[in-house]
Amino acid sequence: MTAAGSSGAAGSSMGFCALAAIAIWRSGVLPPYSGILFAVGFALFIPQFYGPPAVRIGHGVLVATGSIWVAMVLWRAEPAEVR
């Protein structure tokens, strides 16, 4: 894969994470801030490789915290009524 192809894939995945965070923010069902850590963690996915091991460990904690928070919120959310 070329550098252009990998940056395009990284850009699109970061865009999808940003869209997920915006959808969580606007949903009115889920707490608005629950998607922020998730989106920030995945937006920093590529840059974390250029840091020392402490930065990579911190990034792993950030991604895990954001993902677990979103999962817990979704697990506890009441199902919406279908019209």
C-alpha atoms as a PDB file:
ATOM      1  CA  MET A   1       0.000   0.000   0.000  1.00  0.00           C
ATOM      2  CA  THR A   2       1.328   3.412  -0.861  1.00  0.00           C
ATOM      3  CA  ALA A   3       1.645   6.284   1.565  1.00  0.00           C
ATOM      4  CA  ALA A   4      -1.219   8.071  -0.193  1.00  0.00           C
ATOM      5  CA  GLY A   5      -3.449   5.014   0.163  1.00  0.00           C
ATOM      6  CA  SER A   6      -2.694   4.595   3.843  1.00  0.00           C
ATOM      7  CA  SER A   7      -3.280   8.278   4.598  1.00  0.00           C
ATOM      8  CA  GLY A   8      -6.596   8.118   2.740  1.00  0.00           C
ATOM      9  CA  ALA A   9      -7.689   5.118   4.779  1.00  0.00           C
ATOM     10  CA  ALA A  10      -6.587   6.812   7.998  1.00  0.00           C
ATOM     11  CA  GLY A  11      -8.414   9.991   7.044  1.00  0.00           C
ATOM     12  CA  SER A  12     -11.630   8.195   6.252  1.00  0.00           C
ATOM     13  CA  SER A  13     -11.538   6.197   9.497  1.00  0.00           C
ATOM     14  CA  MET A  14     -10.950   9.386  11.481  1.00  0.00           C
ATOM     15  CA  GLY A  15     -13.877  10.943   9.624  1.00  0.00           C
ATOM     16  CA  PHE A  16     -16.113   8.018  10.551  1.00  0.00           C
ATOM     17  CA  CYS A  17     -15.110   8.344  14.216  1.00  0.00           C
ATOM     18  CA  ALA A  18     -15.877  12.058  14.107  1.00  0.00           C
ATOM     19  CA  LEU A  19     -19.272  11.294  12.570  1.00  0.00           C
ATOM     20  CA  ALA A  20     -19.942   8.738  15.308  1.00  0.00           C
ATOM     21  CA  ALA A  21     -19.089  11.320  17.974  1.00  0.00           C
ATOM     22  CA  ILE A  22     -21.370  13.895  16.327  1.00  0.00           C
ATOM     23  CA  ALA A  23     -24.182  11.338  16.106  1.00  0.00           C
ATOM     24  CA  ILE A  24     -23.793  10.529  19.805  1.00  0.00           C
ATOM     25  CA  TRP A  25     -23.723  14.256  20.634  1.00  0.00           C
ATOM     26  CA  ARG A  26     -26.919  14.998  18.682  1.00  0.00           C
ATOM     27  CA  SER A  27     -28.819  11.833  19.580  1.00  0.00           C
ATOM     28  CA  GLY A  28     -30.570  13.244  22.629  1.00  0.00           C
ATOM     29  CA  VAL A  29     -30.559   9.727  24.076  1.00  0.00           C
ATOM     30  CA  LEU A  30     -26.899   9.284  24.950  1.00  0.00           C
ATOM     31  CA  PRO A  31     -24.831  11.663  27.086  1.00  0.00           C
ATOM     32  CA  PRO A  32     -23.198  14.144  24.692  1.00  0.00           C
ATOM     33  CA  TYR A  33     -19.681  13.842  26.075  1.00  0.00           C
ATOM     34  CA  SER A  34     -19.537  10.057  25.850  1.00  0.00           C
ATOM     35  CA  GLY A  35     -18.365  10.155  22.229  1.00  0.00           C
ATOM     36  CA  ILE A  36     -15.648  12.773  22.693  1.00  0.00           C
ATOM     37  CA  LEU A  37     -12.963  10.485  24.188  1.00  0.00           C
ATOM     38  CA  PHE A  38     -13.782   7.892  21.550  1.00  0.00           C
ATOM     39  CA  ALA A  39     -13.311  10.371  18.691  1.00  0.00           C
ATOM     40  CA  VAL A  40     -10.188  11.995  20.165  1.00  0.00           C
ATOM     41  CA  GLY A  41      -8.559   8.615  20.748  1.00  0.00           C
ATOM     42  CA  PHE A  42      -9.100   7.522  17.178  1.00  0.00           C
ATOM     43  CA  ALA A  43      -8.158  10.930  15.746  1.00  0.00           C
ATOM     44  CA  LEU A  44      -4.781  10.559  17.466  1.00  0.00           C
ATOM     45  CA  PHE A  45      -4.289   6.969  16.309  1.00  0.00           C
ATOM     46  CA  ILE A  46      -1.573   7.629  13.691  1.00  0.00           C
ATOM     47  CA  PRO A  47       0.302  10.439  15.542  1.00  0.00           C
ATOM     48  CA  GLN A  48       0.749   8.259  18.653  1.00  0.00           C
ATOM     49  CA  PHE A  49       3.209   6.059  16.727  1.00  0.00           C
ATOM     50  CA  TYR A  50       5.699   8.938  16.604  1.00  0.00           C
ATOM     51  CA  GLY A  51       5.849   9.355  20.376  1.00  0.00           C
ATOM     52  CA  PRO A  52       7.753   7.507  23.079  1.00  0.00           C
ATOM     53  CA  PRO A  53       6.306   4.395  24.736  1.00  0.00           C
ATOM     54  CA  ALA A  54       4.636   6.463  27.469  1.00  0.00           C
ATOM     55  CA  VAL A  55       2.601   8.322  24.830  1.00  0.00           C
ATOM     56  CA  ARG A  56       1.531   5.039  23.219  1.00  0.00           C
ATOM     57  CA  ILE A  57       0.472   3.626  26.584  1.00  0.00           C
ATOM     58  CA  GLY A  58      -1.445   6.814  27.364  1.00  0.00           C
ATOM     59  CA  HIS A  59      -3.111   6.619  23.972  1.00  0.00           C
ATOM     60  CA  GLY A  60      -4.146   3.021  24.663  1.00  0.00           C
ATOM     61  CA  VAL A  61      -5.697   4.100  27.950  1.00  0.00           C
ATOM     62  CA  LEU A  62      -7.505   6.961  26.165  1.00  0.00           C
ATOM     63  CA  VAL A  63      -8.923   4.674  23.457  1.00  0.00           C
ATOM     64  CA  ALA A  64      -9.910   2.011  25.986  1.00  0.00           C
ATOM     65  CA  THR A  65     -11.604   4.560  28.259  1.00  0.00           C
ATOM     66  CA  GLY A  66     -13.526   6.137  25.380  1.00  0.00           C
ATOM     67  CA  SER A  67     -14.587   2.780  23.940  1.00  0.00           C
ATOM     68  CA  ILE A  68     -15.674   1.387  27.306  1.00  0.00           C
ATOM     69  CA  TRP A  69     -17.614   4.567  28.097  1.00  0.00           C
ATOM     70  CA  VAL A  70     -19.511   4.407  24.788  1.00  0.00           C
ATOM     71  CA  ALA A  71     -20.143   0.677  25.277  1.00  0.00           C
ATOM     72  CA  MET A  72     -21.496   1.204  28.816  1.00  0.00           C
ATOM     73  CA  VAL A  73     -23.764   4.040  27.683  1.00  0.00           C
ATOM     74  CA  LEU A  74     -25.106   1.963  24.798  1.00  0.00           C
ATOM     75  CA  TRP A  75     -25.586  -1.047  27.055  1.00  0.00           C
ATOM     76  CA  ARG A  76     -27.676   0.981  29.516  1.00  0.00           C
ATOM     77  CA  ALA A  77     -29.648   2.977  26.915  1.00  0.00           C
ATOM     78  CA  GLU A  78     -33.340   2.311  26.716  1.00  0.00           C
ATOM     79  CA  PRO A  79     -34.481   1.015  23.335  1.00  0.00           C
ATOM     80  CA  ALA A  80     -36.389   3.543  21.260  1.00  0.00           C
ATOM     81  CA  GLU A  81     -39.975   2.824  20.310  1.00  0.00           C
ATOM     82  CA  VAL A  82     -40.517   1.920  16.674  1.00  0.00           C
ATOM     83  CA  ARG A  83     -43.300   3.842  14.988  1.00  0.00           C
END
